[in-house]
PDB file of all heavy atoms in Angstrom:
ATOM      1  N   PRO A   1       4.582  16.946   2.357  1.00  0.00           N
ATOM      2  CA  PRO A   1       5.154  15.694   2.820  1.00  0.00           C
ATOM      3  C   PRO A   1       4.315  14.511   2.397  1.00  0.00           C
ATOM      4  O   PRO A   1       4.872  13.461   2.009  1.00  0.00           O
ATOM      5  CB  PRO A   1       5.179  15.840   4.379  1.00  0.00           C
ATOM      6  CG  PRO A   1       5.260  17.328   4.596  1.00  0.00           C
ATOM      7  CD  PRO A   1       4.427  17.925   3.531  1.00  0.00           C
ATOM      8  N   ASP A   2       2.999  14.599   2.465  1.00  0.00           N
ATOM      9  CA  ASP A   2       2.152  13.555   1.952  1.00  0.00           C
ATOM     10  C   ASP A   2       2.370  13.281   0.470  1.00  0.00           C
ATOM     11  O   ASP A   2       2.531  12.167   0.047  1.00  0.00           O
ATOM     12  CB  ASP A   2       0.604  13.990   2.097  1.00  0.00           C
ATOM     13  CG  ASP A   2       0.240  14.242   3.577  1.00  0.00           C
ATOM     14  OD1 ASP A   2       0.815  13.644   4.463  1.00  0.00           O
ATOM     15  OD2 ASP A   2      -0.682  15.093   3.799  1.00  0.00           O
ATOM     16  N   ALA A   3       2.365  14.367  -0.257  1.00  0.00           N
ATOM     17  CA  ALA A   3       2.547  14.255  -1.737  1.00  0.00           C
ATOM     18  C   ALA A   3       3.925  13.761  -2.100  1.00  0.00           C
ATOM     19  O   ALA A   3       4.097  13.037  -3.146  1.00  0.00           O
ATOM     20  CB  ALA A   3       2.320  15.593  -2.403  1.00  0.00           C
ATOM     21  N   ASP A   4       4.966  14.137  -1.370  1.00  0.00           N
ATOM     22  CA  ASP A   4       6.348  13.592  -1.580  1.00  0.00           C
ATOM     23  C   ASP A   4       6.328  12.052  -1.569  1.00  0.00           C
ATOM     24  O   ASP A   4       7.034  11.457  -2.346  1.00  0.00           O
ATOM     25  CB  ASP A   4       7.283  14.147  -0.464  1.00  0.00           C
ATOM     26  CG  ASP A   4       7.976  15.407  -0.944  1.00  0.00           C
ATOM     27  OD1 ASP A   4       7.941  15.773  -2.102  1.00  0.00           O
ATOM     28  OD2 ASP A   4       8.412  16.174  -0.008  1.00  0.00           O
ATOM     29  N   VAL A   5       5.593  11.505  -0.604  1.00  0.00           N
ATOM     30  CA  VAL A   5       5.560  10.040  -0.511  1.00  0.00           C
ATOM     31  C   VAL A   5       4.971   9.412  -1.818  1.00  0.00           C
ATOM     32  O   VAL A   5       5.462   8.387  -2.270  1.00  0.00           O
ATOM     33  CB  VAL A   5       4.796   9.590   0.773  1.00  0.00           C
ATOM     34  CG1 VAL A   5       4.606   8.068   0.816  1.00  0.00           C
ATOM     35  CG2 VAL A   5       5.484  10.083   2.011  1.00  0.00           C
ATOM     36  N   VAL A   6       3.874  10.039  -2.247  1.00  0.00           N
ATOM     37  CA  VAL A   6       3.234   9.547  -3.441  1.00  0.00           C
ATOM     38  C   VAL A   6       4.217   9.650  -4.665  1.00  0.00           C
ATOM     39  O   VAL A   6       4.454   8.663  -5.381  1.00  0.00           O
ATOM     40  CB  VAL A   6       1.992  10.346  -3.816  1.00  0.00           C
ATOM     41  CG1 VAL A   6       1.467  10.119  -5.194  1.00  0.00           C
ATOM     42  CG2 VAL A   6       0.913  10.112  -2.761  1.00  0.00           C
ATOM     43  N   CYS A   7       4.896  10.804  -4.864  1.00  0.00           N
ATOM     44  CA  CYS A   7       5.821  10.983  -5.958  1.00  0.00           C
ATOM     45  C   CYS A   7       6.960   9.958  -5.901  1.00  0.00           C
ATOM     46  O   CYS A   7       7.334   9.406  -6.929  1.00  0.00           O
ATOM     47  CB  CYS A   7       6.361  12.393  -6.007  1.00  0.00           C
ATOM     48  SG  CYS A   7       5.086  13.658  -6.372  1.00  0.00           S
ATOM     49  N   ARG A   8       7.511   9.787  -4.715  1.00  0.00           N
ATOM     50  CA  ARG A   8       8.662   8.912  -4.609  1.00  0.00           C
ATOM     51  C   ARG A   8       8.220   7.453  -4.862  1.00  0.00           C
ATOM     52  O   ARG A   8       8.958   6.681  -5.529  1.00  0.00           O
ATOM     53  CB  ARG A   8       9.318   9.061  -3.245  1.00  0.00           C
ATOM     54  CG  ARG A   8      10.785   8.658  -3.311  1.00  0.00           C
ATOM     55  CD  ARG A   8      11.547   8.947  -2.071  1.00  0.00           C
ATOM     56  NE  ARG A   8      10.897   8.477  -0.861  1.00  0.00           N
ATOM     57  CZ  ARG A   8      10.358   9.277   0.023  1.00  0.00           C
ATOM     58  NH1 ARG A   8      10.364  10.580  -0.033  1.00  0.00           N
ATOM     59  NH2 ARG A   8       9.765   8.733   1.132  1.00  0.00           N
ATOM     60  N   GLN A   9       7.041   7.070  -4.324  1.00  0.00           N
ATOM     61  CA  GLN A   9       6.596   5.701  -4.482  1.00  0.00           C
ATOM     62  C   GLN A   9       6.421   5.377  -5.983  1.00  0.00           C
ATOM     63  O   GLN A   9       6.612   4.313  -6.493  1.00  0.00           O
ATOM     64  CB  GLN A   9       5.272   5.498  -3.723  1.00  0.00           C
ATOM     65  CG  GLN A   9       4.876   4.062  -3.568  1.00  0.00           C
ATOM     66  CD  GLN A   9       3.551   3.954  -2.777  1.00  0.00           C
ATOM     67  OE1 GLN A   9       3.260   4.744  -1.951  1.00  0.00           O
ATOM     68  NE2 GLN A   9       2.784   2.878  -3.029  1.00  0.00           N
ATOM     69  N   LEU A  10       5.985   6.427  -6.793  1.00  0.00           N
ATOM     70  CA  LEU A  10       5.748   6.251  -8.245  1.00  0.00           C
ATOM     71  C   LEU A  10       6.986   6.527  -9.042  1.00  0.00           C
ATOM     72  O   LEU A  10       6.945   6.504 -10.266  1.00  0.00           O
ATOM     73  CB  LEU A  10       4.596   7.142  -8.719  1.00  0.00           C
ATOM     74  CG  LEU A  10       3.263   6.858  -8.076  1.00  0.00           C
ATOM     75  CD1 LEU A  10       2.262   7.935  -8.472  1.00  0.00           C
ATOM     76  CD2 LEU A  10       2.751   5.532  -8.623  1.00  0.00           C
ATOM     77  N   ARG A  11       8.136   6.745  -8.360  1.00  0.00           N
ATOM     78  CA  ARG A  11       9.372   7.039  -9.101  1.00  0.00           C
ATOM     79  C   ARG A  11       9.203   8.356  -9.996  1.00  0.00           C
ATOM     80  O   ARG A  11       9.627   8.440 -11.107  1.00  0.00           O
ATOM     81  CB  ARG A  11       9.922   5.918  -9.957  1.00  0.00           C
ATOM     82  CG  ARG A  11      10.251   4.728  -9.168  1.00  0.00           C
ATOM     83  CD  ARG A  11      11.219   3.762  -9.978  1.00  0.00           C
ATOM     84  NE  ARG A  11      11.594   2.635  -9.139  1.00  0.00           N
ATOM     85  CZ  ARG A  11      10.965   1.489  -9.137  1.00  0.00           C
ATOM     86  NH1 ARG A  11       9.805   1.320  -9.790  1.00  0.00           N
ATOM     87  NH2 ARG A  11      11.401   0.478  -8.367  1.00  0.00           N
ATOM     88  N   CYS A  12       8.544   9.338  -9.404  1.00  0.00           N
ATOM     89  CA  CYS A  12       8.247  10.555 -10.065  1.00  0.00           C
ATOM     90  C   CYS A  12       8.983  11.743  -9.424  1.00  0.00           C
ATOM     91  O   CYS A  12       8.602  12.884  -9.617  1.00  0.00           O
ATOM     92  CB  CYS A  12       6.782  10.829 -10.095  1.00  0.00           C
ATOM     93  SG  CYS A  12       5.859   9.836 -11.307  1.00  0.00           S
ATOM     94  N   GLY A  13      10.094  11.440  -8.680  1.00  0.00           N
ATOM     95  CA  GLY A  13      10.784  12.529  -8.038  1.00  0.00           C
ATOM     96  C   GLY A  13      10.143  13.012  -6.746  1.00  0.00           C
ATOM     97  O   GLY A  13       9.724  12.230  -5.987  1.00  0.00           O
ATOM     98  N   HIS A  14      10.020  14.311  -6.590  1.00  0.00           N
ATOM     99  CA  HIS A  14       9.389  14.892  -5.404  1.00  0.00           C
ATOM    100  C   HIS A  14       8.164  15.750  -5.870  1.00  0.00           C
ATOM    101  O   HIS A  14       8.025  16.056  -7.015  1.00  0.00           O
ATOM    102  CB  HIS A  14      10.374  15.733  -4.629  1.00  0.00           C
ATOM    103  CG  HIS A  14      10.934  16.832  -5.349  1.00  0.00           C
ATOM    104  ND1 HIS A  14      12.054  16.785  -6.159  1.00  0.00           N
ATOM    105  CD2 HIS A  14      10.546  18.165  -5.502  1.00  0.00           C
ATOM    106  CE1 HIS A  14      12.316  17.910  -6.737  1.00  0.00           C
ATOM    107  NE2 HIS A  14      11.379  18.806  -6.380  1.00  0.00           N
ATOM    108  N   ALA A  15       7.424  16.206  -4.862  1.00  0.00           N
ATOM    109  CA  ALA A  15       6.171  16.998  -5.136  1.00  0.00           C
ATOM    110  C   ALA A  15       6.572  18.451  -5.415  1.00  0.00           C
ATOM    111  O   ALA A  15       7.299  19.044  -4.655  1.00  0.00           O
ATOM    112  CB  ALA A  15       5.264  16.892  -3.965  1.00  0.00           C
ATOM    113  N   VAL A  16       6.092  18.983  -6.496  1.00  0.00           N
ATOM    114  CA  VAL A  16       6.336  20.437  -6.750  1.00  0.00           C
ATOM    115  C   VAL A  16       5.064  21.241  -6.433  1.00  0.00           C
ATOM    116  O   VAL A  16       5.158  22.416  -6.156  1.00  0.00           O
ATOM    117  CB  VAL A  16       6.804  20.781  -8.188  1.00  0.00           C
ATOM    118  CG1 VAL A  16       8.214  20.364  -8.357  1.00  0.00           C
ATOM    119  CG2 VAL A  16       5.952  20.185  -9.255  1.00  0.00           C
ATOM    120  N   SER A  17       3.859  20.609  -6.448  1.00  0.00           N
ATOM    121  CA  SER A  17       2.704  21.320  -5.940  1.00  0.00           C
ATOM    122  C   SER A  17       1.602  20.296  -5.561  1.00  0.00           C
ATOM    123  O   SER A  17       1.511  19.201  -6.170  1.00  0.00           O
ATOM    124  CB  SER A  17       2.147  22.355  -6.947  1.00  0.00           C
ATOM    125  OG  SER A  17       1.408  21.703  -7.952  1.00  0.00           O
ATOM    126  N   VAL A  18       0.852  20.656  -4.564  1.00  0.00           N
ATOM    127  CA  VAL A  18      -0.295  19.801  -4.153  1.00  0.00           C
ATOM    128  C   VAL A  18      -1.595  20.532  -4.624  1.00  0.00           C
ATOM    129  O   VAL A  18      -1.651  21.771  -4.590  1.00  0.00           O
ATOM    130  CB  VAL A  18      -0.325  19.611  -2.632  1.00  0.00           C
ATOM    131  CG1 VAL A  18       0.889  18.789  -2.215  1.00  0.00           C
ATOM    132  CG2 VAL A  18      -0.314  20.896  -1.863  1.00  0.00           C
ATOM    133  N   ARG A  19      -2.585  19.685  -4.983  1.00  0.00           N
ATOM    134  CA  ARG A  19      -3.829  20.200  -5.478  1.00  0.00           C
ATOM    135  C   ARG A  19      -4.972  19.623  -4.713  1.00  0.00           C
ATOM    136  O   ARG A  19      -4.957  18.376  -4.458  1.00  0.00           O
ATOM    137  CB  ARG A  19      -4.055  19.967  -6.924  1.00  0.00           C
ATOM    138  CG  ARG A  19      -2.906  20.432  -7.852  1.00  0.00           C
ATOM    139  CD  ARG A  19      -3.052  21.888  -8.139  1.00  0.00           C
ATOM    140  NE  ARG A  19      -1.860  22.403  -8.889  1.00  0.00           N
ATOM    141  CZ  ARG A  19      -1.663  22.267 -10.194  1.00  0.00           C
ATOM    142  NH1 ARG A  19      -2.568  21.710 -10.964  1.00  0.00           N
ATOM    143  NH2 ARG A  19      -0.614  22.798 -10.718  1.00  0.00           N
ATOM    144  N   GLY A  20      -5.949  20.430  -4.320  1.00  0.00           N
ATOM    145  CA  GLY A  20      -7.142  19.889  -3.629  1.00  0.00           C
ATOM    146  C   GLY A  20      -8.356  20.157  -4.505  1.00  0.00           C
ATOM    147  O   GLY A  20      -8.274  20.527  -5.658  1.00  0.00           O
ATOM    148  N   ASN A  21      -9.551  20.039  -3.845  1.00  0.00           N
ATOM    149  CA  ASN A  21     -10.793  20.400  -4.567  1.00  0.00           C
ATOM    150  C   ASN A  21     -10.969  19.724  -5.850  1.00  0.00           C
ATOM    151  O   ASN A  21     -11.384  20.360  -6.836  1.00  0.00           O
ATOM    152  CB  ASN A  21     -10.978  21.924  -4.662  1.00  0.00           C
ATOM    153  CG  ASN A  21     -10.884  22.610  -3.370  1.00  0.00           C
ATOM    154  OD1 ASN A  21     -11.459  22.145  -2.408  1.00  0.00           O
ATOM    155  ND2 ASN A  21     -10.271  23.774  -3.296  1.00  0.00           N
ATOM    156  N   SER A  22     -10.553  18.436  -5.966  1.00  0.00           N
ATOM    157  CA  SER A  22     -10.725  17.635  -7.159  1.00  0.00           C
ATOM    158  C   SER A  22     -10.223  18.412  -8.426  1.00  0.00           C
ATOM    159  O   SER A  22     -10.874  18.503  -9.428  1.00  0.00           O
ATOM    160  CB  SER A  22     -12.162  17.175  -7.374  1.00  0.00           C
ATOM    161  OG  SER A  22     -13.072  18.213  -7.532  1.00  0.00           O
ATOM    162  N   ALA A  23      -9.036  19.006  -8.341  1.00  0.00           N
ATOM    163  CA  ALA A  23      -8.449  19.754  -9.437  1.00  0.00           C
ATOM    164  C   ALA A  23      -8.235  18.959 -10.685  1.00  0.00           C
ATOM    165  O   ALA A  23      -8.244  19.444 -11.802  1.00  0.00           O
ATOM    166  CB  ALA A  23      -7.080  20.368  -9.014  1.00  0.00           C
ATOM    167  N   PHE A  24      -8.073  17.591 -10.557  1.00  0.00           N
ATOM    168  CA  PHE A  24      -8.010  16.721 -11.728  1.00  0.00           C
ATOM    169  C   PHE A  24      -9.315  15.930 -11.982  1.00  0.00           C
ATOM    170  O   PHE A  24      -9.254  14.824 -12.510  1.00  0.00           O
ATOM    171  CB  PHE A  24      -6.791  15.743 -11.474  1.00  0.00           C
ATOM    172  CG  PHE A  24      -5.477  16.416 -11.382  1.00  0.00           C
ATOM    173  CD1 PHE A  24      -4.865  16.685 -10.181  1.00  0.00           C
ATOM    174  CD2 PHE A  24      -4.893  16.892 -12.545  1.00  0.00           C
ATOM    175  CE1 PHE A  24      -3.644  17.374 -10.169  1.00  0.00           C
ATOM    176  CE2 PHE A  24      -3.621  17.619 -12.542  1.00  0.00           C
ATOM    177  CZ  PHE A  24      -3.017  17.789 -11.270  1.00  0.00           C
ATOM    178  N   GLY A  25     -10.396  16.468 -11.524  1.00  0.00           N
ATOM    179  CA  GLY A  25     -11.695  15.821 -11.714  1.00  0.00           C
ATOM    180  C   GLY A  25     -12.040  14.981 -10.457  1.00  0.00           C
ATOM    181  O   GLY A  25     -11.146  14.632  -9.677  1.00  0.00           O
ATOM    182  N   ARG A  26     -13.265  14.590 -10.442  1.00  0.00           N
ATOM    183  CA  ARG A  26     -13.774  13.768  -9.322  1.00  0.00           C
ATOM    184  C   ARG A  26     -13.561  12.294  -9.594  1.00  0.00           C
ATOM    185  O   ARG A  26     -13.838  11.794 -10.660  1.00  0.00           O
ATOM    186  CB  ARG A  26     -15.223  14.026  -9.014  1.00  0.00           C
ATOM    187  CG  ARG A  26     -15.556  15.463  -8.663  1.00  0.00           C
ATOM    188  CD  ARG A  26     -16.972  15.637  -8.352  1.00  0.00           C
ATOM    189  NE  ARG A  26     -17.277  17.080  -8.052  1.00  0.00           N
ATOM    190  CZ  ARG A  26     -18.347  17.502  -7.348  1.00  0.00           C
ATOM    191  NH1 ARG A  26     -19.308  16.650  -7.062  1.00  0.00           N
ATOM    192  NH2 ARG A  26     -18.483  18.829  -7.104  1.00  0.00           N
ATOM    193  N   GLY A  27     -12.978  11.686  -8.530  1.00  0.00           N
ATOM    194  CA  GLY A  27     -12.767  10.179  -8.711  1.00  0.00           C
ATOM    195  C   GLY A  27     -14.026   9.427  -8.386  1.00  0.00           C
ATOM    196  O   GLY A  27     -15.076   9.946  -8.199  1.00  0.00           O
ATOM    197  N   HIS A  28     -13.917   8.109  -8.369  1.00  0.00           N
ATOM    198  CA  HIS A  28     -15.011   7.206  -8.030  1.00  0.00           C
ATOM    199  C   HIS A  28     -14.518   6.284  -6.960  1.00  0.00           C
ATOM    200  O   HIS A  28     -13.333   6.276  -6.582  1.00  0.00           O
ATOM    201  CB  HIS A  28     -15.428   6.407  -9.264  1.00  0.00           C
ATOM    202  CG  HIS A  28     -15.748   7.274 -10.458  1.00  0.00           C
ATOM    203  ND1 HIS A  28     -16.922   7.929 -10.545  1.00  0.00           N
ATOM    204  CD2 HIS A  28     -15.010   7.653 -11.543  1.00  0.00           C
ATOM    205  CE1 HIS A  28     -16.949   8.663 -11.686  1.00  0.00           C
ATOM    206  NE2 HIS A  28     -15.724   8.489 -12.296  1.00  0.00           N
ATOM    207  N   GLY A  29     -15.469   5.396  -6.485  1.00  0.00           N
ATOM    208  CA  GLY A  29     -15.095   4.464  -5.487  1.00  0.00           C
ATOM    209  C   GLY A  29     -14.955   4.994  -4.113  1.00  0.00           C
ATOM    210  O   GLY A  29     -15.313   6.188  -3.896  1.00  0.00           O
ATOM    211  N   PRO A  30     -14.491   4.243  -3.201  1.00  0.00           N
ATOM    212  CA  PRO A  30     -14.395   4.706  -1.760  1.00  0.00           C
ATOM    213  C   PRO A  30     -13.359   5.791  -1.625  1.00  0.00           C
ATOM    214  O   PRO A  30     -12.365   5.906  -2.426  1.00  0.00           O
ATOM    215  CB  PRO A  30     -13.990   3.464  -1.029  1.00  0.00           C
ATOM    216  CG  PRO A  30     -13.272   2.605  -2.075  1.00  0.00           C
ATOM    217  CD  PRO A  30     -13.932   2.895  -3.289  1.00  0.00           C
ATOM    218  N   ILE A  31     -13.483   6.620  -0.508  1.00  0.00           N
ATOM    219  CA  ILE A  31     -12.429   7.554  -0.128  1.00  0.00           C
ATOM    220  C   ILE A  31     -11.639   6.817   0.907  1.00  0.00           C
ATOM    221  O   ILE A  31     -12.116   6.534   1.995  1.00  0.00           O
ATOM    222  CB  ILE A  31     -13.040   8.885   0.350  1.00  0.00           C
ATOM    223  CG1 ILE A  31     -13.683   9.587  -0.851  1.00  0.00           C
ATOM    224  CG2 ILE A  31     -12.011   9.740   1.020  1.00  0.00           C
ATOM    225  CD1 ILE A  31     -14.637  10.690  -0.482  1.00  0.00           C
ATOM    226  N   LEU A  32     -10.432   6.459   0.530  1.00  0.00           N
ATOM    227  CA  LEU A  32      -9.668   5.504   1.392  1.00  0.00           C
ATOM    228  C   LEU A  32      -8.742   6.151   2.388  1.00  0.00           C
ATOM    229  O   LEU A  32      -8.341   5.549   3.324  1.00  0.00           O
ATOM    230  CB  LEU A  32      -8.838   4.623   0.442  1.00  0.00           C
ATOM    231  CG  LEU A  32      -9.572   3.678  -0.471  1.00  0.00           C
ATOM    232  CD1 LEU A  32      -8.667   3.038  -1.428  1.00  0.00           C
ATOM    233  CD2 LEU A  32     -10.337   2.622   0.323  1.00  0.00           C
TER     234      LEU A  32
END
């Protein structure tokens, strides 16, 4: 449900999978 909101907000459809543990690399800046 969290990821669905992201996908819809970006006009990317719906979420087909969620990834944790920095699967796409570690980001920078604050954890918001």
